[in-house]
C-alpha atoms as a PDB file:
ATOM      1  CA  MET A   1      12.420  18.495  23.291  1.00  0.00           C
ATOM      2  CA  ARG A   2       9.122  20.197  22.487  1.00  0.00           C
ATOM      3  CA  HIS A   3       5.964  18.176  22.999  1.00  0.00           C
ATOM      4  CA  GLU A   4       7.733  15.748  25.324  1.00  0.00           C
ATOM      5  CA  GLN A   5       4.605  15.341  27.458  1.00  0.00           C
ATOM      6  CA  THR A   6       2.531  14.435  24.408  1.00  0.00           C
ATOM      7  CA  ARG A   7       5.201  11.984  23.219  1.00  0.00           C
ATOM      8  CA  LYS A   8       5.061  10.256  26.599  1.00  0.00           C
ATOM      9  CA  ALA A   9       1.251  10.081  26.545  1.00  0.00           C
ATOM     10  CA  LEU A  10       0.928   8.580  23.063  1.00  0.00           C
ATOM     11  CA  PRO A  11       2.080   5.043  23.976  1.00  0.00           C
ATOM     12  CA  SER A  12      -0.622   4.675  26.635  1.00  0.00           C
ATOM     13  CA  GLU A  13      -3.283   5.881  24.180  1.00  0.00           C
ATOM     14  CA  ARG A  14      -1.943   3.413  21.640  1.00  0.00           C
ATOM     15  CA  ALA A  15      -2.004   0.607  24.214  1.00  0.00           C
ATOM     16  CA  LYS A  16      -5.667   1.360  24.995  1.00  0.00           C
ATOM     17  CA  LEU A  17      -6.581   1.062  21.332  1.00  0.00           C
ATOM     18  CA  ILE A  18      -4.594  -2.150  20.934  1.00  0.00           C
ATOM     19  CA  GLY A  19      -6.391  -3.520  24.002  1.00  0.00           C
ATOM     20  CA  GLN A  20      -9.733  -2.690  22.411  1.00  0.00           C
ATOM     21  CA  LEU A  21      -8.674  -4.429  19.207  1.00  0.00           C
ATOM     22  CA  GLU A  22      -7.631  -7.501  21.172  1.00  0.00           C
ATOM     23  CA  LYS A  23     -10.999  -7.588  22.973  1.00  0.00           C
ATOM     24  CA  LEU A  24     -12.674  -7.596  19.567  1.00  0.00           C
ATOM     25  CA  GLY A  25     -10.500 -10.532  18.509  1.00  0.00           C
ATOM     26  CA  ALA A  26      -8.375  -8.475  16.139  1.00  0.00           C
ATOM     27  CA  THR A  27      -4.640  -8.203  15.680  1.00  0.00           C
ATOM     28  CA  GLU A  28      -2.698  -4.988  16.197  1.00  0.00           C
ATOM     29  CA  ASP A  29      -3.110  -4.137  12.507  1.00  0.00           C
ATOM     30  CA  GLY A  30      -6.909  -4.426  12.700  1.00  0.00           C
ATOM     31  CA  GLU A  31      -7.309  -7.864  11.116  1.00  0.00           C
ATOM     32  CA  LEU A  32      -9.732 -10.272  12.774  1.00  0.00           C
ATOM     33  CA  LYS A  33      -8.027 -13.360  14.150  1.00  0.00           C
ATOM     34  CA  ALA A  34      -9.007 -16.758  12.834  1.00  0.00           C
ATOM     35  CA  GLY A  35     -10.983 -19.019  15.107  1.00  0.00           C
ATOM     36  CA  LEU A  36     -12.977 -16.436  17.031  1.00  0.00           C
ATOM     37  CA  GLY A  37     -15.424 -19.151  17.968  1.00  0.00           C
ATOM     38  CA  LEU A  38     -18.396 -17.333  16.508  1.00  0.00           C
ATOM     39  CA  ASP A  39     -19.691 -20.582  15.006  1.00  0.00           C
ATOM     40  CA  LYS A  40     -20.281 -21.884  18.529  1.00  0.00           C
ATOM     41  CA  GLU A  41     -22.185 -18.775  19.644  1.00  0.00           C
ATOM     42  CA  PHE A  42     -24.608 -18.519  16.736  1.00  0.00           C
ATOM     43  CA  ALA A  43     -26.892 -21.155  15.245  1.00  0.00           C
ATOM     44  CA  ASP A  44     -26.791 -20.045  11.623  1.00  0.00           C
ATOM     45  CA  ALA A  45     -24.195 -18.812   9.185  1.00  0.00           C
ATOM     46  CA  GLY A  46     -26.078 -15.551   8.590  1.00  0.00           C
ATOM     47  CA  ALA A  47     -25.792 -14.550  12.244  1.00  0.00           C
ATOM     48  CA  VAL A  48     -22.088 -15.418  12.206  1.00  0.00           C
ATOM     49  CA  THR A  49     -21.594 -13.229   9.145  1.00  0.00           C
ATOM     50  CA  VAL A  50     -23.445 -10.313  10.741  1.00  0.00           C
ATOM     51  CA  GLU A  51     -21.422 -10.566  13.963  1.00  0.00           C
ATOM     52  CA  ARG A  52     -18.133 -10.915  12.072  1.00  0.00           C
ATOM     53  CA  THR A  53     -19.031  -7.867   9.946  1.00  0.00           C
ATOM     54  CA  LYS A  54     -19.825  -5.886  13.086  1.00  0.00           C
ATOM     55  CA  LEU A  55     -16.499  -6.838  14.685  1.00  0.00           C
ATOM     56  CA  LEU A  56     -14.632  -6.021  11.497  1.00  0.00           C
ATOM     57  CA  GLY A  57     -16.303  -2.606  11.328  1.00  0.00           C
ATOM     58  CA  LEU A  58     -15.268  -1.829  14.888  1.00  0.00           C
ATOM     59  CA  ALA A  59     -11.704  -2.971  14.220  1.00  0.00           C
ATOM     60  CA  ASP A  60     -11.656  -0.906  11.022  1.00  0.00           C
ATOM     61  CA  SER A  61     -12.575   2.185  13.038  1.00  0.00           C
ATOM     62  CA  LEU A  62      -9.910   1.591  15.699  1.00  0.00           C
ATOM     63  CA  TYR A  63      -6.933   0.767  13.493  1.00  0.00           C
ATOM     64  CA  PRO A  64      -6.760   4.191  11.773  1.00  0.00           C
ATOM     65  CA  GLN A  65      -6.583   5.744  15.244  1.00  0.00           C
ATOM     66  CA  VAL A  66      -3.530   3.588  15.989  1.00  0.00           C
ATOM     67  CA  GLN A  67      -1.976   4.757  12.729  1.00  0.00           C
ATOM     68  CA  LYS A  68      -2.623   8.415  13.639  1.00  0.00           C
ATOM     69  CA  ILE A  69      -0.954   7.945  17.013  1.00  0.00           C
ATOM     70  CA  ASP A  70       2.044   6.329  15.322  1.00  0.00           C
ATOM     71  CA  ALA A  71       2.207   9.188  12.802  1.00  0.00           C
ATOM     72  CA  ALA A  72       1.990  11.773  15.586  1.00  0.00           C
ATOM     73  CA  ALA A  73       4.885  10.087  17.399  1.00  0.00           C
ATOM     74  CA  VAL A  74       6.958  10.198  14.215  1.00  0.00           C
ATOM     75  CA  SER A  75       6.101  13.867  13.666  1.00  0.00           C
ATOM     76  CA  ILE A  76       7.244  14.666  17.212  1.00  0.00           C
ATOM     77  CA  ASP A  77      10.494  12.810  16.575  1.00  0.00           C
ATOM     78  CA  GLU A  78      10.934  14.724  13.301  1.00  0.00           C
ATOM     79  CA  ASP A  79      10.069  18.028  15.019  1.00  0.00           C
ATOM     80  CA  SER A  80       7.130  18.659  12.687  1.00  0.00           C
ATOM     81  CA  TYR A  81       4.427  18.006  15.287  1.00  0.00           C
ATOM     82  CA  GLY A  82       1.919  20.828  15.507  1.00  0.00           C
ATOM     83  CA  THR A  83       2.248  21.741  11.838  1.00  0.00           C
ATOM     84  CA  CYS A  84      -0.620  20.774   9.550  1.00  0.00           C
ATOM     85  CA  ALA A  85       0.476  17.974   7.225  1.00  0.00           C
ATOM     86  CA  SER A  86      -1.702  19.422   4.469  1.00  0.00           C
ATOM     87  CA  CYS A  87      -1.354  23.211   4.468  1.00  0.00           C
ATOM     88  CA  GLY A  88       1.741  23.679   6.632  1.00  0.00           C
ATOM     89  CA  GLU A  89       0.055  26.090   9.046  1.00  0.00           C
ATOM     90  CA  ALA A  90       0.346  25.707  12.809  1.00  0.00           C
ATOM     91  CA  ILE A  91      -2.271  23.514  14.450  1.00  0.00           C
ATOM     92  CA  PRO A  92      -3.784  25.435  17.380  1.00  0.00           C
ATOM     93  CA  PRO A  93      -2.562  24.174  20.775  1.00  0.00           C
ATOM     94  CA  ALA A  94      -6.158  23.662  21.939  1.00  0.00           C
ATOM     95  CA  ARG A  95      -6.724  21.189  19.094  1.00  0.00           C
ATOM     96  CA  LEU A  96      -3.520  19.332  19.918  1.00  0.00           C
ATOM     97  CA  GLU A  97      -4.518  19.196  23.553  1.00  0.00           C
ATOM     98  CA  ALA A  98      -7.951  17.815  22.703  1.00  0.00           C
ATOM     99  CA  ARG A  99      -6.668  15.447  19.990  1.00  0.00           C
ATOM    100  CA  PRO A 100      -2.944  14.800  20.420  1.00  0.00           C
ATOM    101  CA  SER A 101      -2.883  12.619  17.317  1.00  0.00           C
ATOM    102  CA  SER A 102      -4.089  15.469  15.074  1.00  0.00           C
ATOM    103  CA  LEU A 103      -1.936  15.933  12.012  1.00  0.00           C
ATOM    104  CA  LEU A 104      -4.307  18.354  10.283  1.00  0.00           C
ATOM    105  CA  CYS A 105      -5.649  21.758  11.269  1.00  0.00           C
ATOM    106  CA  VAL A 106      -9.403  22.103  11.592  1.00  0.00           C
ATOM    107  CA  ALA A 107      -9.780  23.748   8.177  1.00  0.00           C
ATOM    108  CA  CYS A 108      -7.939  20.965   6.353  1.00  0.00           C
ATOM    109  CA  LYS A 109      -9.686  18.230   8.353  1.00  0.00           C
ATOM    110  CA  THR A 110     -13.070  19.812   7.518  1.00  0.00           C
ATOM    111  CA  ASN A 111     -12.261  20.011   3.809  1.00  0.00           C
ATOM    112  CA  ARG A 112     -11.390  16.309   3.516  1.00  0.00           C
END
């Protein structure tokens, strides 16, 4: 199977992201868990809202990375990994090495 090494590496990258989400108090799908205890840490509701918004923003930036890793794993399984999902051209190996979850070539990623 082509890209077997990448396929084996993706679960550990995914686990790291999930661990980061958990540290933020978010679920695997990027939603903040109820009862984070922020009310106990901050004296006023405004500070709680700011902190919750900050945590949500961080979770919102991590979850799409999880989705990209999942999509890359599917593309390996479907033998389409390394082909740009937008234009159909080959994604350069250097890009895949640097960003294994890349589903777009540089040109298509730049034009988005």
